ModelCIF file with pLDDT and N, C-alpha, C, O atoms, coordinates in Angstrom:
data_MODEL
#
_entry.id   MODEL 
#
_entity.id                         1 
_entity.type                       polymer 
_entity.pdbx_number_of_molecules   1 
#
_entity_poly.entity_id                      1 
_entity_poly.type                           'polypeptide(L)' 
_entity_poly.nstd_linkage                   no 
_entity_poly.nstd_monomer                   no 
_entity_poly.pdbx_seq_one_letter_code       PTFTVIGKAKSNNGVTRYKLSNGNYITASSKYVGPLYWQGNHS 
_entity_poly.pdbx_seq_one_letter_code_can   PTFTVIGKAKSNNGVTRYKLSNGNYITASSKYVGPLYWQGNHS 
_entity_poly.pdbx_strand_id                 A 
#
loop_
_entity_poly_seq.entity_id 
_entity_poly_seq.num 
_entity_poly_seq.mon_id 
_entity_poly_seq.hetero 
1 1  PRO n 
1 2  THR n 
1 3  PHE n 
1 4  THR n 
1 5  VAL n 
1 6  ILE n 
1 7  GLY n 
1 8  LYS n 
1 9  ALA n 
1 10 LYS n 
1 11 SER n 
1 12 ASN n 
1 13 ASN n 
1 14 GLY n 
1 15 VAL n 
1 16 THR n 
1 17 ARG n 
1 18 TYR n 
1 19 LYS n 
1 20 LEU n 
1 21 SER n 
1 22 ASN n 
1 23 GLY n 
1 24 ASN n 
1 25 TYR n 
1 26 ILE n 
1 27 THR n 
1 28 ALA n 
1 29 SER n 
1 30 SER n 
1 31 LYS n 
1 32 TYR n 
1 33 VAL n 
1 34 GLY n 
1 35 PRO n 
1 36 LEU n 
1 37 TYR n 
1 38 TRP n 
1 39 GLN n 
1 40 GLY n 
1 41 ASN n 
1 42 HIS n 
1 43 SER n 
#
_struct_asym.id          A 
_struct_asym.entity_id   1 
#
loop_
_ma_qa_metric.id 
_ma_qa_metric.mode 
_ma_qa_metric.name 
_ma_qa_metric.software_group_id 
_ma_qa_metric.type 
1 global pLDDT . pLDDT 
2 local  pLDDT . pLDDT 
#
_ma_qa_metric_global.metric_id      1 
_ma_qa_metric_global.metric_value   96.95 
_ma_qa_metric_global.model_id       1 
_ma_qa_metric_global.ordinal_id     1 
#
loop_
_ma_qa_metric_local.label_asym_id 
_ma_qa_metric_local.label_comp_id 
_ma_qa_metric_local.label_seq_id 
_ma_qa_metric_local.metric_id 
_ma_qa_metric_local.metric_value 
_ma_qa_metric_local.model_id 
_ma_qa_metric_local.ordinal_id 
A PRO 1  2 98.00 1 1  
A THR 2  2 98.00 1 2  
A PHE 3  2 98.00 1 3  
A THR 4  2 97.00 1 4  
A VAL 5  2 98.00 1 5  
A ILE 6  2 97.00 1 6  
A GLY 7  2 97.00 1 7  
A LYS 8  2 97.00 1 8  
A ALA 9  2 97.00 1 9  
A LYS 10 2 96.00 1 10 
A SER 11 2 96.00 1 11 
A ASN 12 2 96.00 1 12 
A ASN 13 2 95.00 1 13 
A GLY 14 2 96.00 1 14 
A VAL 15 2 97.00 1 15 
A THR 16 2 97.00 1 16 
A ARG 17 2 98.00 1 17 
A TYR 18 2 98.00 1 18 
A LYS 19 2 98.00 1 19 
A LEU 20 2 98.00 1 20 
A SER 21 2 97.00 1 21 
A ASN 22 2 97.00 1 22 
A GLY 23 2 97.00 1 23 
A ASN 24 2 98.00 1 24 
A TYR 25 2 98.00 1 25 
A ILE 26 2 98.00 1 26 
A THR 27 2 98.00 1 27 
A ALA 28 2 98.00 1 28 
A SER 29 2 98.00 1 29 
A SER 30 2 97.00 1 30 
A LYS 31 2 97.00 1 31 
A TYR 32 2 98.00 1 32 
A VAL 33 2 98.00 1 33 
A GLY 34 2 97.00 1 34 
A PRO 35 2 97.00 1 35 
A LEU 36 2 98.00 1 36 
A TYR 37 2 98.00 1 37 
A TRP 38 2 97.00 1 38 
A GLN 39 2 95.00 1 39 
A GLY 40 2 93.00 1 40 
A ASN 41 2 92.00 1 41 
A HIS 42 2 95.00 1 42 
A SER 43 2 96.00 1 43 
#
loop_
_atom_site.group_PDB 
_atom_site.id 
_atom_site.type_symbol 
_atom_site.label_atom_id 
_atom_site.label_alt_id 
_atom_site.label_comp_id 
_atom_site.label_asym_id 
_atom_site.label_entity_id 
_atom_site.label_seq_id 
_atom_site.pdbx_PDB_ins_code 
_atom_site.Cartn_x 
_atom_site.Cartn_y 
_atom_site.Cartn_z 
_atom_site.occupancy 
_atom_site.B_iso_or_equiv 
_atom_site.pdbx_formal_charge 
_atom_site.auth_seq_id 
_atom_site.auth_comp_id 
_atom_site.auth_asym_id 
_atom_site.auth_atom_id 
_atom_site.pdbx_PDB_model_num 
ATOM 1   N N  . PRO A 1 1  ? 149.031 -154.785 -12.686 1.00 98.00 ? 1  PRO A N  1 
ATOM 2   C CA . PRO A 1 1  ? 147.564 -155.093 -13.044 1.00 98.00 ? 1  PRO A CA 1 
ATOM 3   C C  . PRO A 1 1  ? 146.273 -154.058 -13.657 1.00 98.00 ? 1  PRO A C  1 
ATOM 4   O O  . PRO A 1 1  ? 145.703 -153.320 -12.853 1.00 98.00 ? 1  PRO A O  1 
ATOM 5   N N  . THR A 1 2  ? 145.923 -154.059 -14.899 1.00 98.00 ? 2  THR A N  1 
ATOM 6   C CA . THR A 1 2  ? 144.936 -152.958 -14.770 1.00 98.00 ? 2  THR A CA 1 
ATOM 7   C C  . THR A 1 2  ? 143.836 -153.185 -14.593 1.00 98.00 ? 2  THR A C  1 
ATOM 8   O O  . THR A 1 2  ? 143.706 -154.404 -14.478 1.00 98.00 ? 2  THR A O  1 
ATOM 9   N N  . PHE A 1 3  ? 142.190 -152.273 -14.426 1.00 98.00 ? 3  PHE A N  1 
ATOM 10  C CA . PHE A 1 3  ? 141.346 -152.909 -14.330 1.00 98.00 ? 3  PHE A CA 1 
ATOM 11  C C  . PHE A 1 3  ? 140.234 -151.080 -14.841 1.00 98.00 ? 3  PHE A C  1 
ATOM 12  O O  . PHE A 1 3  ? 140.424 -149.910 -15.175 1.00 98.00 ? 3  PHE A O  1 
ATOM 13  N N  . THR A 1 4  ? 139.306 -151.911 -14.597 1.00 97.00 ? 4  THR A N  1 
ATOM 14  C CA . THR A 1 4  ? 138.202 -150.892 -15.478 1.00 97.00 ? 4  THR A CA 1 
ATOM 15  C C  . THR A 1 4  ? 137.596 -150.165 -14.873 1.00 97.00 ? 4  THR A C  1 
ATOM 16  O O  . THR A 1 4  ? 136.510 -150.740 -14.797 1.00 97.00 ? 4  THR A O  1 
ATOM 17  N N  . VAL A 1 5  ? 137.508 -149.241 -14.345 1.00 98.00 ? 5  VAL A N  1 
ATOM 18  C CA . VAL A 1 5  ? 136.651 -148.672 -12.830 1.00 98.00 ? 5  VAL A CA 1 
ATOM 19  C C  . VAL A 1 5  ? 134.879 -148.076 -13.860 1.00 98.00 ? 5  VAL A C  1 
ATOM 20  O O  . VAL A 1 5  ? 134.792 -147.184 -14.704 1.00 98.00 ? 5  VAL A O  1 
ATOM 21  N N  . ILE A 1 6  ? 133.919 -148.862 -13.398 1.00 97.00 ? 6  ILE A N  1 
ATOM 22  C CA . ILE A 1 6  ? 132.893 -148.744 -13.817 1.00 97.00 ? 6  ILE A CA 1 
ATOM 23  C C  . ILE A 1 6  ? 131.821 -147.275 -12.797 1.00 97.00 ? 6  ILE A C  1 
ATOM 24  O O  . ILE A 1 6  ? 130.833 -146.601 -13.091 1.00 97.00 ? 6  ILE A O  1 
ATOM 25  N N  . GLY A 1 7  ? 132.489 -147.342 -11.892 1.00 97.00 ? 7  GLY A N  1 
ATOM 26  C CA . GLY A 1 7  ? 131.196 -146.841 -10.702 1.00 97.00 ? 7  GLY A CA 1 
ATOM 27  C C  . GLY A 1 7  ? 132.181 -145.981 -9.508  1.00 97.00 ? 7  GLY A C  1 
ATOM 28  O O  . GLY A 1 7  ? 133.251 -146.344 -9.021  1.00 97.00 ? 7  GLY A O  1 
ATOM 29  N N  . LYS A 1 8  ? 131.593 -145.045 -9.315  1.00 97.00 ? 8  LYS A N  1 
ATOM 30  C CA . LYS A 1 8  ? 132.614 -144.667 -7.820  1.00 97.00 ? 8  LYS A CA 1 
ATOM 31  C C  . LYS A 1 8  ? 131.004 -144.985 -6.632  1.00 97.00 ? 8  LYS A C  1 
ATOM 32  O O  . LYS A 1 8  ? 129.834 -145.308 -6.836  1.00 97.00 ? 8  LYS A O  1 
ATOM 33  N N  . ALA A 1 9  ? 131.840 -144.662 -5.424  1.00 97.00 ? 9  ALA A N  1 
ATOM 34  C CA . ALA A 1 9  ? 131.084 -145.209 -4.023  1.00 97.00 ? 9  ALA A CA 1 
ATOM 35  C C  . ALA A 1 9  ? 131.795 -145.133 -3.037  1.00 97.00 ? 9  ALA A C  1 
ATOM 36  O O  . ALA A 1 9  ? 132.900 -145.674 -3.007  1.00 97.00 ? 9  ALA A O  1 
ATOM 37  N N  . LYS A 1 10 ? 131.055 -144.108 -1.545  1.00 96.00 ? 10 LYS A N  1 
ATOM 38  C CA . LYS A 1 10 ? 131.502 -144.211 -0.701  1.00 96.00 ? 10 LYS A CA 1 
ATOM 39  C C  . LYS A 1 10 ? 131.365 -145.231 0.292   1.00 96.00 ? 10 LYS A C  1 
ATOM 40  O O  . LYS A 1 10 ? 130.401 -145.994 0.365   1.00 96.00 ? 10 LYS A O  1 
ATOM 41  N N  . SER A 1 11 ? 132.381 -145.223 1.075   1.00 96.00 ? 11 SER A N  1 
ATOM 42  C CA . SER A 1 11 ? 132.215 -146.177 2.514   1.00 96.00 ? 11 SER A CA 1 
ATOM 43  C C  . SER A 1 11 ? 131.521 -145.271 3.431   1.00 96.00 ? 11 SER A C  1 
ATOM 44  O O  . SER A 1 11 ? 131.549 -144.043 3.348   1.00 96.00 ? 11 SER A O  1 
ATOM 45  N N  . ASN A 1 12 ? 130.722 -146.148 4.551   1.00 96.00 ? 12 ASN A N  1 
ATOM 46  C CA . ASN A 1 12 ? 130.518 -146.019 5.812   1.00 96.00 ? 12 ASN A CA 1 
ATOM 47  C C  . ASN A 1 12 ? 131.219 -144.363 6.240   1.00 96.00 ? 12 ASN A C  1 
ATOM 48  O O  . ASN A 1 12 ? 130.565 -143.322 6.304   1.00 96.00 ? 12 ASN A O  1 
ATOM 49  N N  . ASN A 1 13 ? 132.284 -144.470 6.422   1.00 95.00 ? 13 ASN A N  1 
ATOM 50  C CA . ASN A 1 13 ? 133.179 -143.177 7.012   1.00 95.00 ? 13 ASN A CA 1 
ATOM 51  C C  . ASN A 1 13 ? 133.409 -141.920 6.110   1.00 95.00 ? 13 ASN A C  1 
ATOM 52  O O  . ASN A 1 13 ? 133.879 -140.821 6.403   1.00 95.00 ? 13 ASN A O  1 
ATOM 53  N N  . GLY A 1 14 ? 132.868 -142.480 4.753   1.00 96.00 ? 14 GLY A N  1 
ATOM 54  C CA . GLY A 1 14 ? 132.931 -141.149 3.691   1.00 96.00 ? 14 GLY A CA 1 
ATOM 55  C C  . GLY A 1 14 ? 134.400 -141.648 2.594   1.00 96.00 ? 14 GLY A C  1 
ATOM 56  O O  . GLY A 1 14 ? 134.585 -141.352 1.413   1.00 96.00 ? 14 GLY A O  1 
ATOM 57  N N  . VAL A 1 15 ? 134.905 -142.135 3.134   1.00 97.00 ? 15 VAL A N  1 
ATOM 58  C CA . VAL A 1 15 ? 136.160 -142.490 1.833   1.00 97.00 ? 15 VAL A CA 1 
ATOM 59  C C  . VAL A 1 15 ? 136.045 -143.094 0.192   1.00 97.00 ? 15 VAL A C  1 
ATOM 60  O O  . VAL A 1 15 ? 136.057 -144.303 -0.040  1.00 97.00 ? 15 VAL A O  1 
ATOM 61  N N  . THR A 1 16 ? 135.977 -142.458 -0.463  1.00 97.00 ? 16 THR A N  1 
ATOM 62  C CA . THR A 1 16 ? 135.508 -142.740 -1.814  1.00 97.00 ? 16 THR A CA 1 
ATOM 63  C C  . THR A 1 16 ? 136.123 -144.115 -2.391  1.00 97.00 ? 16 THR A C  1 
ATOM 64  O O  . THR A 1 16 ? 137.350 -144.089 -2.494  1.00 97.00 ? 16 THR A O  1 
ATOM 65  N N  . ARG A 1 17 ? 135.446 -145.392 -2.811  1.00 98.00 ? 17 ARG A N  1 
ATOM 66  C CA . ARG A 1 17 ? 136.165 -146.559 -3.371  1.00 98.00 ? 17 ARG A CA 1 
ATOM 67  C C  . ARG A 1 17 ? 135.393 -146.543 -4.900  1.00 98.00 ? 17 ARG A C  1 
ATOM 68  O O  . ARG A 1 17 ? 134.257 -146.188 -5.218  1.00 98.00 ? 17 ARG A O  1 
ATOM 69  N N  . TYR A 1 18 ? 136.483 -147.069 -5.667  1.00 98.00 ? 18 TYR A N  1 
ATOM 70  C CA . TYR A 1 18 ? 136.009 -147.106 -7.047  1.00 98.00 ? 18 TYR A CA 1 
ATOM 71  C C  . TYR A 1 18 ? 135.431 -149.064 -7.464  1.00 98.00 ? 18 TYR A C  1 
ATOM 72  O O  . TYR A 1 18 ? 135.996 -150.072 -7.040  1.00 98.00 ? 18 TYR A O  1 
ATOM 73  N N  . LYS A 1 19 ? 134.255 -149.015 -8.335  1.00 98.00 ? 19 LYS A N  1 
ATOM 74  C CA . LYS A 1 19 ? 133.646 -149.974 -8.326  1.00 98.00 ? 19 LYS A CA 1 
ATOM 75  C C  . LYS A 1 19 ? 134.542 -150.855 -9.674  1.00 98.00 ? 19 LYS A C  1 
ATOM 76  O O  . LYS A 1 19 ? 135.309 -150.182 -10.363 1.00 98.00 ? 19 LYS A O  1 
ATOM 77  N N  . LEU A 1 20 ? 134.410 -152.046 -9.908  1.00 98.00 ? 20 LEU A N  1 
ATOM 78  C CA . LEU A 1 20 ? 135.105 -152.509 -10.780 1.00 98.00 ? 20 LEU A CA 1 
ATOM 79  C C  . LEU A 1 20 ? 134.314 -153.522 -12.593 1.00 98.00 ? 20 LEU A C  1 
ATOM 80  O O  . LEU A 1 20 ? 133.099 -153.573 -12.783 1.00 98.00 ? 20 LEU A O  1 
ATOM 81  N N  . SER A 1 21 ? 134.831 -153.838 -13.095 1.00 97.00 ? 21 SER A N  1 
ATOM 82  C CA . SER A 1 21 ? 134.099 -154.057 -13.848 1.00 97.00 ? 21 SER A CA 1 
ATOM 83  C C  . SER A 1 21 ? 133.356 -155.596 -13.181 1.00 97.00 ? 21 SER A C  1 
ATOM 84  O O  . SER A 1 21 ? 132.159 -155.875 -13.127 1.00 97.00 ? 21 SER A O  1 
ATOM 85  N N  . ASN A 1 22 ? 134.716 -156.537 -12.661 1.00 97.00 ? 22 ASN A N  1 
ATOM 86  C CA . ASN A 1 22 ? 134.518 -157.432 -12.006 1.00 97.00 ? 22 ASN A CA 1 
ATOM 87  C C  . ASN A 1 22 ? 133.409 -157.421 -11.011 1.00 97.00 ? 22 ASN A C  1 
ATOM 88  O O  . ASN A 1 22 ? 132.803 -158.484 -10.879 1.00 97.00 ? 22 ASN A O  1 
ATOM 89  N N  . GLY A 1 23 ? 133.019 -156.346 -10.246 1.00 97.00 ? 23 GLY A N  1 
ATOM 90  C CA . GLY A 1 23 ? 131.999 -156.491 -9.237  1.00 97.00 ? 23 GLY A CA 1 
ATOM 91  C C  . GLY A 1 23 ? 132.558 -156.299 -7.506  1.00 97.00 ? 23 GLY A C  1 
ATOM 92  O O  . GLY A 1 23 ? 131.896 -156.380 -6.472  1.00 97.00 ? 23 GLY A O  1 
ATOM 93  N N  . ASN A 1 24 ? 133.662 -156.089 -7.657  1.00 98.00 ? 24 ASN A N  1 
ATOM 94  C CA . ASN A 1 24 ? 134.648 -155.667 -6.359  1.00 98.00 ? 24 ASN A CA 1 
ATOM 95  C C  . ASN A 1 24 ? 135.158 -154.322 -6.307  1.00 98.00 ? 24 ASN A C  1 
ATOM 96  O O  . ASN A 1 24 ? 135.295 -153.760 -7.393  1.00 98.00 ? 24 ASN A O  1 
ATOM 97  N N  . TYR A 1 25 ? 135.489 -153.649 -5.186  1.00 98.00 ? 25 TYR A N  1 
ATOM 98  C CA . TYR A 1 25 ? 136.156 -152.485 -4.946  1.00 98.00 ? 25 TYR A CA 1 
ATOM 99  C C  . TYR A 1 25 ? 136.896 -152.310 -4.488  1.00 98.00 ? 25 TYR A C  1 
ATOM 100 O O  . TYR A 1 25 ? 136.889 -153.108 -3.551  1.00 98.00 ? 25 TYR A O  1 
ATOM 101 N N  . ILE A 1 26 ? 138.068 -151.486 -4.410  1.00 98.00 ? 26 ILE A N  1 
ATOM 102 C CA . ILE A 1 26 ? 139.400 -151.129 -4.045  1.00 98.00 ? 26 ILE A CA 1 
ATOM 103 C C  . ILE A 1 26 ? 139.274 -149.478 -3.845  1.00 98.00 ? 26 ILE A C  1 
ATOM 104 O O  . ILE A 1 26 ? 138.288 -148.773 -4.061  1.00 98.00 ? 26 ILE A O  1 
ATOM 105 N N  . THR A 1 27 ? 140.409 -149.146 -3.429  1.00 98.00 ? 27 THR A N  1 
ATOM 106 C CA . THR A 1 27 ? 140.729 -147.659 -3.287  1.00 98.00 ? 27 THR A CA 1 
ATOM 107 C C  . THR A 1 27 ? 140.954 -147.067 -4.151  1.00 98.00 ? 27 THR A C  1 
ATOM 108 O O  . THR A 1 27 ? 141.127 -147.501 -5.290  1.00 98.00 ? 27 THR A O  1 
ATOM 109 N N  . ALA A 1 28 ? 141.001 -145.907 -3.787  1.00 98.00 ? 28 ALA A N  1 
ATOM 110 C CA . ALA A 1 28 ? 141.045 -144.906 -5.353  1.00 98.00 ? 28 ALA A CA 1 
ATOM 111 C C  . ALA A 1 28 ? 141.742 -143.875 -4.979  1.00 98.00 ? 28 ALA A C  1 
ATOM 112 O O  . ALA A 1 28 ? 141.764 -142.762 -5.505  1.00 98.00 ? 28 ALA A O  1 
ATOM 113 N N  . SER A 1 29 ? 142.581 -144.422 -3.644  1.00 98.00 ? 29 SER A N  1 
ATOM 114 C CA . SER A 1 29 ? 143.963 -143.398 -3.921  1.00 98.00 ? 29 SER A CA 1 
ATOM 115 C C  . SER A 1 29 ? 145.004 -143.602 -4.373  1.00 98.00 ? 29 SER A C  1 
ATOM 116 O O  . SER A 1 29 ? 145.688 -144.624 -4.429  1.00 98.00 ? 29 SER A O  1 
ATOM 117 N N  . SER A 1 30 ? 145.192 -142.308 -4.818  1.00 97.00 ? 30 SER A N  1 
ATOM 118 C CA . SER A 1 30 ? 146.725 -142.028 -5.699  1.00 97.00 ? 30 SER A CA 1 
ATOM 119 C C  . SER A 1 30 ? 147.733 -142.627 -5.876  1.00 97.00 ? 30 SER A C  1 
ATOM 120 O O  . SER A 1 30 ? 148.439 -142.826 -6.865  1.00 97.00 ? 30 SER A O  1 
ATOM 121 N N  . LYS A 1 31 ? 147.796 -143.068 -4.304  1.00 97.00 ? 31 LYS A N  1 
ATOM 122 C CA . LYS A 1 31 ? 149.125 -143.763 -4.025  1.00 97.00 ? 31 LYS A CA 1 
ATOM 123 C C  . LYS A 1 31 ? 148.846 -145.097 -3.907  1.00 97.00 ? 31 LYS A C  1 
ATOM 124 O O  . LYS A 1 31 ? 149.505 -145.673 -3.041  1.00 97.00 ? 31 LYS A O  1 
ATOM 125 N N  . TYR A 1 32 ? 147.805 -145.974 -4.726  1.00 98.00 ? 32 TYR A N  1 
ATOM 126 C CA . TYR A 1 32 ? 148.140 -147.144 -5.296  1.00 98.00 ? 32 TYR A CA 1 
ATOM 127 C C  . TYR A 1 32 ? 147.360 -147.534 -6.671  1.00 98.00 ? 32 TYR A C  1 
ATOM 128 O O  . TYR A 1 32 ? 147.423 -148.668 -7.146  1.00 98.00 ? 32 TYR A O  1 
ATOM 129 N N  . VAL A 1 33 ? 146.501 -146.308 -7.348  1.00 98.00 ? 33 VAL A N  1 
ATOM 130 C CA . VAL A 1 33 ? 146.183 -146.467 -8.149  1.00 98.00 ? 33 VAL A CA 1 
ATOM 131 C C  . VAL A 1 33 ? 146.255 -145.517 -9.351  1.00 98.00 ? 33 VAL A C  1 
ATOM 132 O O  . VAL A 1 33 ? 146.262 -144.386 -8.866  1.00 98.00 ? 33 VAL A O  1 
ATOM 133 N N  . GLY A 1 34 ? 146.298 -145.457 -10.342 1.00 97.00 ? 34 GLY A N  1 
ATOM 134 C CA . GLY A 1 34 ? 146.291 -143.848 -11.198 1.00 97.00 ? 34 GLY A CA 1 
ATOM 135 C C  . GLY A 1 34 ? 145.939 -144.878 -12.390 1.00 97.00 ? 34 GLY A C  1 
ATOM 136 O O  . GLY A 1 34 ? 146.070 -146.099 -12.477 1.00 97.00 ? 34 GLY A O  1 
ATOM 137 N N  . PRO A 1 35 ? 145.390 -143.803 -13.361 1.00 97.00 ? 35 PRO A N  1 
ATOM 138 C CA . PRO A 1 35 ? 145.130 -143.062 -14.666 1.00 97.00 ? 35 PRO A CA 1 
ATOM 139 C C  . PRO A 1 35 ? 146.044 -144.378 -15.700 1.00 97.00 ? 35 PRO A C  1 
ATOM 140 O O  . PRO A 1 35 ? 147.205 -144.694 -15.444 1.00 97.00 ? 35 PRO A O  1 
ATOM 141 N N  . LEU A 1 36 ? 145.329 -144.922 -16.714 1.00 98.00 ? 36 LEU A N  1 
ATOM 142 C CA . LEU A 1 36 ? 146.027 -146.095 -17.285 1.00 98.00 ? 36 LEU A CA 1 
ATOM 143 C C  . LEU A 1 36 ? 147.213 -145.590 -18.141 1.00 98.00 ? 36 LEU A C  1 
ATOM 144 O O  . LEU A 1 36 ? 148.366 -145.931 -18.402 1.00 98.00 ? 36 LEU A O  1 
ATOM 145 N N  . TYR A 1 37 ? 146.174 -144.415 -18.500 1.00 98.00 ? 37 TYR A N  1 
ATOM 146 C CA . TYR A 1 37 ? 146.635 -143.126 -19.921 1.00 98.00 ? 37 TYR A CA 1 
ATOM 147 C C  . TYR A 1 37 ? 147.046 -141.925 -19.783 1.00 98.00 ? 37 TYR A C  1 
ATOM 148 O O  . TYR A 1 37 ? 146.327 -141.128 -19.180 1.00 98.00 ? 37 TYR A O  1 
ATOM 149 N N  . TRP A 1 38 ? 148.222 -141.543 -20.279 1.00 97.00 ? 38 TRP A N  1 
ATOM 150 C CA . TRP A 1 38 ? 148.268 -140.184 -20.239 1.00 97.00 ? 38 TRP A CA 1 
ATOM 151 C C  . TRP A 1 38 ? 147.314 -139.012 -20.233 1.00 97.00 ? 38 TRP A C  1 
ATOM 152 O O  . TRP A 1 38 ? 146.514 -138.930 -21.166 1.00 97.00 ? 38 TRP A O  1 
ATOM 153 N N  . GLN A 1 39 ? 147.314 -138.240 -19.429 1.00 95.00 ? 39 GLN A N  1 
ATOM 154 C CA . GLN A 1 39 ? 146.086 -137.030 -19.877 1.00 95.00 ? 39 GLN A CA 1 
ATOM 155 C C  . GLN A 1 39 ? 146.778 -136.063 -20.213 1.00 95.00 ? 39 GLN A C  1 
ATOM 156 O O  . GLN A 1 39 ? 146.234 -135.503 -21.165 1.00 95.00 ? 39 GLN A O  1 
ATOM 157 N N  . GLY A 1 40 ? 148.106 -135.365 -19.792 1.00 93.00 ? 40 GLY A N  1 
ATOM 158 C CA . GLY A 1 40 ? 148.693 -134.186 -19.809 1.00 93.00 ? 40 GLY A CA 1 
ATOM 159 C C  . GLY A 1 40 ? 149.837 -134.091 -21.159 1.00 93.00 ? 40 GLY A C  1 
ATOM 160 O O  . GLY A 1 40 ? 150.555 -135.090 -21.198 1.00 93.00 ? 40 GLY A O  1 
ATOM 161 N N  . ASN A 1 41 ? 150.025 -133.407 -21.891 1.00 92.00 ? 41 ASN A N  1 
ATOM 162 C CA . ASN A 1 41 ? 151.164 -133.002 -22.583 1.00 92.00 ? 41 ASN A CA 1 
ATOM 163 C C  . ASN A 1 41 ? 152.295 -133.348 -21.934 1.00 92.00 ? 41 ASN A C  1 
ATOM 164 O O  . ASN A 1 41 ? 152.439 -133.042 -20.750 1.00 92.00 ? 41 ASN A O  1 
ATOM 165 N N  . HIS A 1 42 ? 153.340 -134.098 -22.694 1.00 95.00 ? 42 HIS A N  1 
ATOM 166 C CA . HIS A 1 42 ? 154.863 -133.870 -22.310 1.00 95.00 ? 42 HIS A CA 1 
ATOM 167 C C  . HIS A 1 42 ? 155.765 -134.127 -23.578 1.00 95.00 ? 42 HIS A C  1 
ATOM 168 O O  . HIS A 1 42 ? 155.795 -135.237 -24.110 1.00 95.00 ? 42 HIS A O  1 
ATOM 169 N N  . SER A 1 43 ? 156.473 -133.093 -24.024 1.00 96.00 ? 43 SER A N  1 
ATOM 170 C CA . SER A 1 43 ? 156.897 -133.387 -24.947 1.00 96.00 ? 43 SER A CA 1 
ATOM 171 C C  . SER A 1 43 ? 158.355 -134.198 -25.548 1.00 96.00 ? 43 SER A C  1 
ATOM 172 O O  . SER A 1 43 ? 158.511 -134.373 -26.757 1.00 96.00 ? 43 SER A O  1 
#
């Protein structure tokens, strides 16, 4: 599944969350989500 991130927020204990275009929040941990598009050069 893919998502559009429209903002970032902090939980009460300071953990970063992603706010999605549907209004819900998900983890920002790189273990669970990553950029949909490549950001670096690969030959």
